[in-house]
Amino acid sequence: MADTKTFEEKMAELEKIVTELEQGNVPLEESMTKFKTGMKLSEELSKILTSAEKTMAKIVDDSGNESQFETKDDGQNED
């Protein structure tokens, strides 16, 4: 069965797991299961974001041809 949860639903589930684990009120065995589930969700979310970034980085010209969107990078990061 395919996973039909949205990005937002997966993110909410991950946030819930993180909160439960941070509180420390979960038995060890359950913590391990939740941790594994959280890691899987994190990987899935990362893949979705990477795919979205690649899609958003493409531009389509007037002829319908796709090309990579390029930005000027001055090497400075704003933290």
PDB file of N, CA and C in Angstrom:
ATOM      1  N   MET A   1       0.846  -1.190   0.000  1.00  0.00           N
ATOM      2  CA  MET A   1       0.000   0.000   0.000  1.00  0.00           C
ATOM      3  C   MET A   1       0.888   1.249   0.000  1.00  0.00           C
ATOM      4  N   ALA A   2       0.612   2.155  -0.896  1.00  0.00           N
ATOM      5  CA  ALA A   2       1.405   3.372  -1.025  1.00  0.00           C
ATOM      6  C   ALA A   2       1.112   4.329   0.131  1.00  0.00           C
ATOM      7  N   ASP A   3       2.154   5.053   0.523  1.00  0.00           N
ATOM      8  CA  ASP A   3       2.010   6.043   1.585  1.00  0.00           C
ATOM      9  C   ASP A   3       1.341   7.278   0.989  1.00  0.00           C
ATOM     10  N   THR A   4       0.167   7.626   1.493  1.00  0.00           N
ATOM     11  CA  THR A   4      -0.581   8.742   0.921  1.00  0.00           C
ATOM     12  C   THR A   4      -0.555   9.989   1.804  1.00  0.00           C
ATOM     13  N   LYS A   5       0.301   9.994   2.819  1.00  0.00           N
ATOM     14  CA  LYS A   5       0.389  11.162   3.691  1.00  0.00           C
ATOM     15  C   LYS A   5       1.060  12.314   2.949  1.00  0.00           C
ATOM     16  N   THR A   6       0.578  13.513   3.220  1.00  0.00           N
ATOM     17  CA  THR A   6       1.172  14.700   2.622  1.00  0.00           C
ATOM     18  C   THR A   6       2.462  15.060   3.345  1.00  0.00           C
ATOM     19  N   PHE A   7       3.223  15.947   2.733  1.00  0.00           N
ATOM     20  CA  PHE A   7       4.448  16.440   3.360  1.00  0.00           C
ATOM     21  C   PHE A   7       4.140  17.007   4.742  1.00  0.00           C
ATOM     22  N   GLU A   8       3.089  17.797   4.803  1.00  0.00           N
ATOM     23  CA  GLU A   8       2.717  18.446   6.058  1.00  0.00           C
ATOM     24  C   GLU A   8       2.332  17.425   7.132  1.00  0.00           C
ATOM     25  N   GLU A   9       1.626  16.373   6.727  1.00  0.00           N
ATOM     26  CA  GLU A   9       1.245  15.324   7.693  1.00  0.00           C
ATOM     27  C   GLU A   9       2.474  14.583   8.204  1.00  0.00           C
ATOM     28  N   LYS A  10       3.409  14.310   7.317  1.00  0.00           N
ATOM     29  CA  LYS A  10       4.643  13.642   7.736  1.00  0.00           C
ATOM     30  C   LYS A  10       5.453  14.537   8.665  1.00  0.00           C
ATOM     31  N   MET A  11       5.505  15.822   8.349  1.00  0.00           N
ATOM     32  CA  MET A  11       6.240  16.760   9.197  1.00  0.00           C
ATOM     33  C   MET A  11       5.611  16.841  10.589  1.00  0.00           C
ATOM     34  N   ALA A  12       4.289  16.889  10.648  1.00  0.00           N
ATOM     35  CA  ALA A  12       3.599  16.937  11.935  1.00  0.00           C
ATOM     36  C   ALA A  12       3.872  15.673  12.744  1.00  0.00           C
ATOM     37  N   GLU A  13       3.887  14.530  12.068  1.00  0.00           N
ATOM     38  CA  GLU A  13       4.172  13.268  12.755  1.00  0.00           C
ATOM     39  C   GLU A  13       5.597  13.264  13.307  1.00  0.00           C
ATOM     40  N   LEU A  14       6.538  13.752  12.528  1.00  0.00           N
ATOM     41  CA  LEU A  14       7.928  13.838  12.976  1.00  0.00           C
ATOM     42  C   LEU A  14       8.051  14.783  14.171  1.00  0.00           C
ATOM     43  N   GLU A  15       7.391  15.927  14.106  1.00  0.00           N
ATOM     44  CA  GLU A  15       7.433  16.882  15.223  1.00  0.00           C
ATOM     45  C   GLU A  15       6.858  16.268  16.495  1.00  0.00           C
ATOM     46  N   LYS A  16       5.790  15.489  16.359  1.00  0.00           N
ATOM     47  CA  LYS A  16       5.187  14.827  17.516  1.00  0.00           C
ATOM     48  C   LYS A  16       6.161  13.825  18.128  1.00  0.00           C
ATOM     49  N   ILE A  17       6.825  13.054  17.283  1.00  0.00           N
ATOM     50  CA  ILE A  17       7.798  12.072  17.772  1.00  0.00           C
ATOM     51  C   ILE A  17       8.932  12.764  18.506  1.00  0.00           C
ATOM     52  N   VAL A  18       9.468  13.823  17.910  1.00  0.00           N
ATOM     53  CA  VAL A  18      10.568  14.561  18.528  1.00  0.00           C
ATOM     54  C   VAL A  18      10.146  15.095  19.896  1.00  0.00           C
ATOM     55  N   THR A  19       8.965  15.669  19.974  1.00  0.00           N
ATOM     56  CA  THR A  19       8.461  16.208  21.241  1.00  0.00           C
ATOM     57  C   THR A  19       8.356  15.104  22.297  1.00  0.00           C
ATOM     58  N   GLU A  20       7.787  13.958  21.911  1.00  0.00           N
ATOM     59  CA  GLU A  20       7.640  12.848  22.854  1.00  0.00           C
ATOM     60  C   GLU A  20       8.998  12.356  23.345  1.00  0.00           C
ATOM     61  N   LEU A  21       9.965  12.247  22.445  1.00  0.00           N
ATOM     62  CA  LEU A  21      11.286  11.774  22.830  1.00  0.00           C
ATOM     63  C   LEU A  21      12.013  12.791  23.706  1.00  0.00           C
ATOM     64  N   GLU A  22      11.835  14.073  23.407  1.00  0.00           N
ATOM     65  CA  GLU A  22      12.474  15.120  24.207  1.00  0.00           C
ATOM     66  C   GLU A  22      11.946  15.141  25.633  1.00  0.00           C
ATOM     67  N   GLN A  23      10.662  14.822  25.797  1.00  0.00           N
ATOM     68  CA  GLN A  23      10.068  14.827  27.132  1.00  0.00           C
ATOM     69  C   GLN A  23      10.611  13.693  27.992  1.00  0.00           C
ATOM     70  N   GLY A  24      11.055  12.612  27.368  1.00  0.00           N
ATOM     71  CA  GLY A  24      11.687  11.527  28.104  1.00  0.00           C
ATOM     72  C   GLY A  24      10.738  10.630  28.876  1.00  0.00           C
ATOM     73  N   ASN A  25       9.463  10.688  28.580  1.00  0.00           N
ATOM     74  CA  ASN A  25       8.491   9.878  29.314  1.00  0.00           C
ATOM     75  C   ASN A  25       8.108   8.600  28.580  1.00  0.00           C
ATOM     76  N   VAL A  26       8.892   8.207  27.577  1.00  0.00           N
ATOM     77  CA  VAL A  26       8.573   7.052  26.749  1.00  0.00           C
ATOM     78  C   VAL A  26       9.499   5.906  27.143  1.00  0.00           C
ATOM     79  N   PRO A  27       8.957   4.704  27.349  1.00  0.00           N
ATOM     80  CA  PRO A  27       9.804   3.554  27.682  1.00  0.00           C
ATOM     81  C   PRO A  27      10.861   3.314  26.588  1.00  0.00           C
ATOM     82  N   LEU A  28      11.962   2.698  26.965  1.00  0.00           N
ATOM     83  CA  LEU A  28      13.092   2.515  26.061  1.00  0.00           C
ATOM     84  C   LEU A  28      12.712   1.834  24.753  1.00  0.00           C
ATOM     85  N   GLU A  29      11.996   0.728  24.831  1.00  0.00           N
ATOM     86  CA  GLU A  29      11.635  -0.002  23.610  1.00  0.00           C
ATOM     87  C   GLU A  29      10.797   0.865  22.673  1.00  0.00           C
ATOM     88  N   GLU A  30       9.845   1.577  23.257  1.00  0.00           N
ATOM     89  CA  GLU A  30       8.997   2.463  22.461  1.00  0.00           C
ATOM     90  C   GLU A  30       9.815   3.629  21.906  1.00  0.00           C
ATOM     91  N   SER A  31      10.775   4.101  22.684  1.00  0.00           N
ATOM     92  CA  SER A  31      11.642   5.189  22.222  1.00  0.00           C
ATOM     93  C   SER A  31      12.435   4.764  20.996  1.00  0.00           C
ATOM     94  N   MET A  32      12.943   3.541  21.023  1.00  0.00           N
ATOM     95  CA  MET A  32      13.717   3.043  19.883  1.00  0.00           C
ATOM     96  C   MET A  32      12.843   2.951  18.632  1.00  0.00           C
ATOM     97  N   THR A  33      11.621   2.464  18.803  1.00  0.00           N
ATOM     98  CA  THR A  33      10.695   2.357  17.675  1.00  0.00           C
ATOM     99  C   THR A  33      10.365   3.739  17.130  1.00  0.00           C
ATOM    100  N   LYS A  34      10.081   4.673  18.041  1.00  0.00           N
ATOM    101  CA  LYS A  34       9.759   6.039  17.614  1.00  0.00           C
ATOM    102  C   LYS A  34      10.956   6.696  16.930  1.00  0.00           C
ATOM    103  N   PHE A  35      12.151   6.434  17.462  1.00  0.00           N
ATOM    104  CA  PHE A  35      13.357   6.998  16.867  1.00  0.00           C
ATOM    105  C   PHE A  35      13.528   6.493  15.434  1.00  0.00           C
ATOM    106  N   LYS A  36      13.363   5.183  15.226  1.00  0.00           N
ATOM    107  CA  LYS A  36      13.483   4.608  13.875  1.00  0.00           C
ATOM    108  C   LYS A  36      12.430   5.194  12.938  1.00  0.00           C
ATOM    109  N   THR A  37      11.212   5.338  13.427  1.00  0.00           N
ATOM    110  CA  THR A  37      10.141   5.924  12.627  1.00  0.00           C
ATOM    111  C   THR A  37      10.489   7.370  12.274  1.00  0.00           C
ATOM    112  N   GLY A  38      11.002   8.091  13.258  1.00  0.00           N
ATOM    113  CA  GLY A  38      11.390   9.482  13.030  1.00  0.00           C
ATOM    114  C   GLY A  38      12.505   9.610  12.007  1.00  0.00           C
ATOM    115  N   MET A  39      13.478   8.706  12.051  1.00  0.00           N
ATOM    116  CA  MET A  39      14.571   8.735  11.085  1.00  0.00           C
ATOM    117  C   MET A  39      14.048   8.452   9.671  1.00  0.00           C
ATOM    118  N   LYS A  40      13.126   7.507   9.561  1.00  0.00           N
ATOM    119  CA  LYS A  40      12.537   7.188   8.258  1.00  0.00           C
ATOM    120  C   LYS A  40      11.773   8.399   7.720  1.00  0.00           C
ATOM    121  N   LEU A  41      10.971   9.029   8.579  1.00  0.00           N
ATOM    122  CA  LEU A  41      10.231  10.222   8.176  1.00  0.00           C
ATOM    123  C   LEU A  41      11.183  11.335   7.743  1.00  0.00           C
ATOM    124  N   SER A  42      12.253  11.514   8.492  1.00  0.00           N
ATOM    125  CA  SER A  42      13.237  12.543   8.176  1.00  0.00           C
ATOM    126  C   SER A  42      13.845  12.309   6.795  1.00  0.00           C
ATOM    127  N   GLU A  43      14.166  11.058   6.486  1.00  0.00           N
ATOM    128  CA  GLU A  43      14.728  10.734   5.178  1.00  0.00           C
ATOM    129  C   GLU A  43      13.710  10.993   4.064  1.00  0.00           C
ATOM    130  N   GLU A  44      12.454  10.605   4.299  1.00  0.00           N
ATOM    131  CA  GLU A  44      11.408  10.827   3.300  1.00  0.00           C
ATOM    132  C   GLU A  44      11.205  12.320   3.047  1.00  0.00           C
ATOM    133  N   LEU A  45      11.163  13.098   4.126  1.00  0.00           N
ATOM    134  CA  LEU A  45      10.976  14.544   3.995  1.00  0.00           C
ATOM    135  C   LEU A  45      12.147  15.182   3.261  1.00  0.00           C
ATOM    136  N   SER A  46      13.345  14.710   3.552  1.00  0.00           N
ATOM    137  CA  SER A  46      14.532  15.232   2.887  1.00  0.00           C
ATOM    138  C   SER A  46      14.473  14.967   1.386  1.00  0.00           C
ATOM    139  N   LYS A  47      14.042  13.767   1.001  1.00  0.00           N
ATOM    140  CA  LYS A  47      13.918  13.432  -0.418  1.00  0.00           C
ATOM    141  C   LYS A  47      12.884  14.321  -1.106  1.00  0.00           C
ATOM    142  N   ILE A  48      11.769  14.552  -0.419  1.00  0.00           N
ATOM    143  CA  ILE A  48      10.721  15.400  -0.983  1.00  0.00           C
ATOM    144  C   ILE A  48      11.254  16.823  -1.200  1.00  0.00           C
ATOM    145  N   LEU A  49      11.971  17.340  -0.206  1.00  0.00           N
ATOM    146  CA  LEU A  49      12.515  18.695  -0.320  1.00  0.00           C
ATOM    147  C   LEU A  49      13.563  18.798  -1.426  1.00  0.00           C
ATOM    148  N   THR A  50      14.411  17.792  -1.528  1.00  0.00           N
ATOM    149  CA  THR A  50      15.422  17.784  -2.582  1.00  0.00           C
ATOM    150  C   THR A  50      14.770  17.779  -3.953  1.00  0.00           C
ATOM    151  N   SER A  51      13.743  16.969  -4.107  1.00  0.00           N
ATOM    152  CA  SER A  51      13.009  16.918  -5.376  1.00  0.00           C
ATOM    153  C   SER A  51      12.358  18.256  -5.683  1.00  0.00           C
ATOM    154  N   ALA A  52      11.770  18.865  -4.670  1.00  0.00           N
ATOM    155  CA  ALA A  52      11.123  20.162  -4.861  1.00  0.00           C
ATOM    156  C   ALA A  52      12.150  21.226  -5.244  1.00  0.00           C
ATOM    157  N   GLU A  53      13.315  21.187  -4.606  1.00  0.00           N
ATOM    158  CA  GLU A  53      14.365  22.152  -4.939  1.00  0.00           C
ATOM    159  C   GLU A  53      14.805  22.006  -6.390  1.00  0.00           C
ATOM    160  N   LYS A  54      14.965  20.759  -6.836  1.00  0.00           N
ATOM    161  CA  LYS A  54      15.375  20.533  -8.221  1.00  0.00           C
ATOM    162  C   LYS A  54      14.308  21.024  -9.188  1.00  0.00           C
ATOM    163  N   THR A  55      13.057  20.791  -8.853  1.00  0.00           N
ATOM    164  CA  THR A  55      11.962  21.244  -9.707  1.00  0.00           C
ATOM    165  C   THR A  55      11.915  22.762  -9.744  1.00  0.00           C
ATOM    166  N   MET A  56      12.050  23.392  -8.605  1.00  0.00           N
ATOM    167  CA  MET A  56      11.977  24.847  -8.535  1.00  0.00           C
ATOM    168  C   MET A  56      13.192  25.505  -9.185  1.00  0.00           C
ATOM    169  N   ALA A  57      14.304  24.780  -9.279  1.00  0.00           N
ATOM    170  CA  ALA A  57      15.517  25.351  -9.857  1.00  0.00           C
ATOM    171  C   ALA A  57      15.483  25.323 -11.377  1.00  0.00           C
ATOM    172  N   LYS A  58      14.446  24.745 -11.963  1.00  0.00           N
ATOM    173  CA  LYS A  58      14.335  24.699 -13.419  1.00  0.00           C
ATOM    174  C   LYS A  58      13.447  25.838 -13.895  1.00  0.00           C
ATOM    175  N   ILE A  59      13.830  26.385 -15.027  1.00  0.00           N
ATOM    176  CA  ILE A  59      12.986  27.400 -15.644  1.00  0.00           C
ATOM    177  C   ILE A  59      12.615  26.919 -17.035  1.00  0.00           C
ATOM    178  N   VAL A  60      11.507  27.355 -17.511  1.00  0.00           N
ATOM    179  CA  VAL A  60      11.045  26.965 -18.839  1.00  0.00           C
ATOM    180  C   VAL A  60      11.056  28.217 -19.710  1.00  0.00           C
ATOM    181  N   ASP A  61      11.744  28.107 -20.866  1.00  0.00           N
ATOM    182  CA  ASP A  61      11.790  29.260 -21.760  1.00  0.00           C
ATOM    183  C   ASP A  61      10.533  29.302 -22.636  1.00  0.00           C
ATOM    184  N   ASP A  62      10.453  30.287 -23.489  1.00  0.00           N
ATOM    185  CA  ASP A  62       9.273  30.475 -24.330  1.00  0.00           C
ATOM    186  C   ASP A  62       8.987  29.286 -25.242  1.00  0.00           C
ATOM    187  N   SER A  63      10.010  28.517 -25.584  1.00  0.00           N
ATOM    188  CA  SER A  63       9.839  27.354 -26.453  1.00  0.00           C
ATOM    189  C   SER A  63       9.433  26.103 -25.687  1.00  0.00           C
ATOM    190  N   GLY A  64       9.339  26.210 -24.378  1.00  0.00           N
ATOM    191  CA  GLY A  64       8.982  25.059 -23.552  1.00  0.00           C
ATOM    192  C   GLY A  64      10.169  24.212 -23.145  1.00  0.00           C
ATOM    193  N   ASN A  65      11.371  24.696 -23.416  1.00  0.00           N
ATOM    194  CA  ASN A  65      12.582  23.960 -23.038  1.00  0.00           C
ATOM    195  C   ASN A  65      12.958  24.297 -21.600  1.00  0.00           C
ATOM    196  N   GLU A  66      13.318  23.252 -20.848  1.00  0.00           N
ATOM    197  CA  GLU A  66      13.732  23.465 -19.464  1.00  0.00           C
ATOM    198  C   GLU A  66      15.226  23.712 -19.403  1.00  0.00           C
ATOM    199  N   SER A  67      15.630  24.572 -18.493  1.00  0.00           N
ATOM    200  CA  SER A  67      17.046  24.774 -18.218  1.00  0.00           C
ATOM    201  C   SER A  67      17.192  25.073 -16.735  1.00  0.00           C
ATOM    202  N   GLN A  68      18.388  24.887 -16.241  1.00  0.00           N
ATOM    203  CA  GLN A  68      18.641  25.129 -14.826  1.00  0.00           C
ATOM    204  C   GLN A  68      18.646  26.623 -14.537  1.00  0.00           C
ATOM    205  N   PHE A  69      18.038  26.974 -13.423  1.00  0.00           N
ATOM    206  CA  PHE A  69      18.013  28.360 -12.969  1.00  0.00           C
ATOM    207  C   PHE A  69      19.328  28.629 -12.266  1.00  0.00           C
ATOM    208  N   GLU A  70      20.020  29.669 -12.670  1.00  0.00           N
ATOM    209  CA  GLU A  70      21.301  29.987 -12.065  1.00  0.00           C
ATOM    210  C   GLU A  70      21.203  31.320 -11.350  1.00  0.00           C
ATOM    211  N   THR A  71      21.796  31.357 -10.159  1.00  0.00           N
ATOM    212  CA  THR A  71      21.841  32.590  -9.390  1.00  0.00           C
ATOM    213  C   THR A  71      23.290  32.990  -9.200  1.00  0.00           C
ATOM    214  N   LYS A  72      23.495  34.270  -8.989  1.00  0.00           N
ATOM    215  CA  LYS A  72      24.836  34.746  -8.676  1.00  0.00           C
ATOM    216  C   LYS A  72      25.087  34.487  -7.202  1.00  0.00           C
ATOM    217  N   ASP A  73      26.147  33.782  -6.920  1.00  0.00           N
ATOM    218  CA  ASP A  73      26.494  33.463  -5.541  1.00  0.00           C
ATOM    219  C   ASP A  73      27.769  34.210  -5.199  1.00  0.00           C
ATOM    220  N   ASP A  74      27.641  35.141  -4.265  1.00  0.00           N
ATOM    221  CA  ASP A  74      28.814  35.923  -3.896  1.00  0.00           C
ATOM    222  C   ASP A  74      29.633  35.254  -2.790  1.00  0.00           C
ATOM    223  N   GLY A  75      29.211  34.045  -2.387  1.00  0.00           N
ATOM    224  CA  GLY A  75      29.967  33.302  -1.390  1.00  0.00           C
ATOM    225  C   GLY A  75      29.707  33.723   0.036  1.00  0.00           C
ATOM    226  N   GLN A  76      28.806  34.658   0.233  1.00  0.00           N
ATOM    227  CA  GLN A  76      28.510  35.113   1.582  1.00  0.00           C
ATOM    228  C   GLN A  76      27.214  34.498   2.047  1.00  0.00           C
ATOM    229  N   ASN A  77      27.239  33.947   3.239  1.00  0.00           N
ATOM    230  CA  ASN A  77      26.044  33.360   3.832  1.00  0.00           C
ATOM    231  C   ASN A  77      25.491  34.295   4.885  1.00  0.00           C
ATOM    232  N   GLU A  78      24.206  34.452   4.885  1.00  0.00           N
ATOM    233  CA  GLU A  78      23.557  35.265   5.912  1.00  0.00           C
ATOM    234  C   GLU A  78      22.999  34.343   6.963  1.00  0.00           C
ATOM    235  N   ASP A  79      23.634  34.281   8.118  1.00  0.00           N
ATOM    236  CA  ASP A  79      23.190  33.410   9.204  1.00  0.00           C
ATOM    237  C   ASP A  79      22.437  34.148  10.241  1.00  0.00           C
TER     238      ASP A  79
END
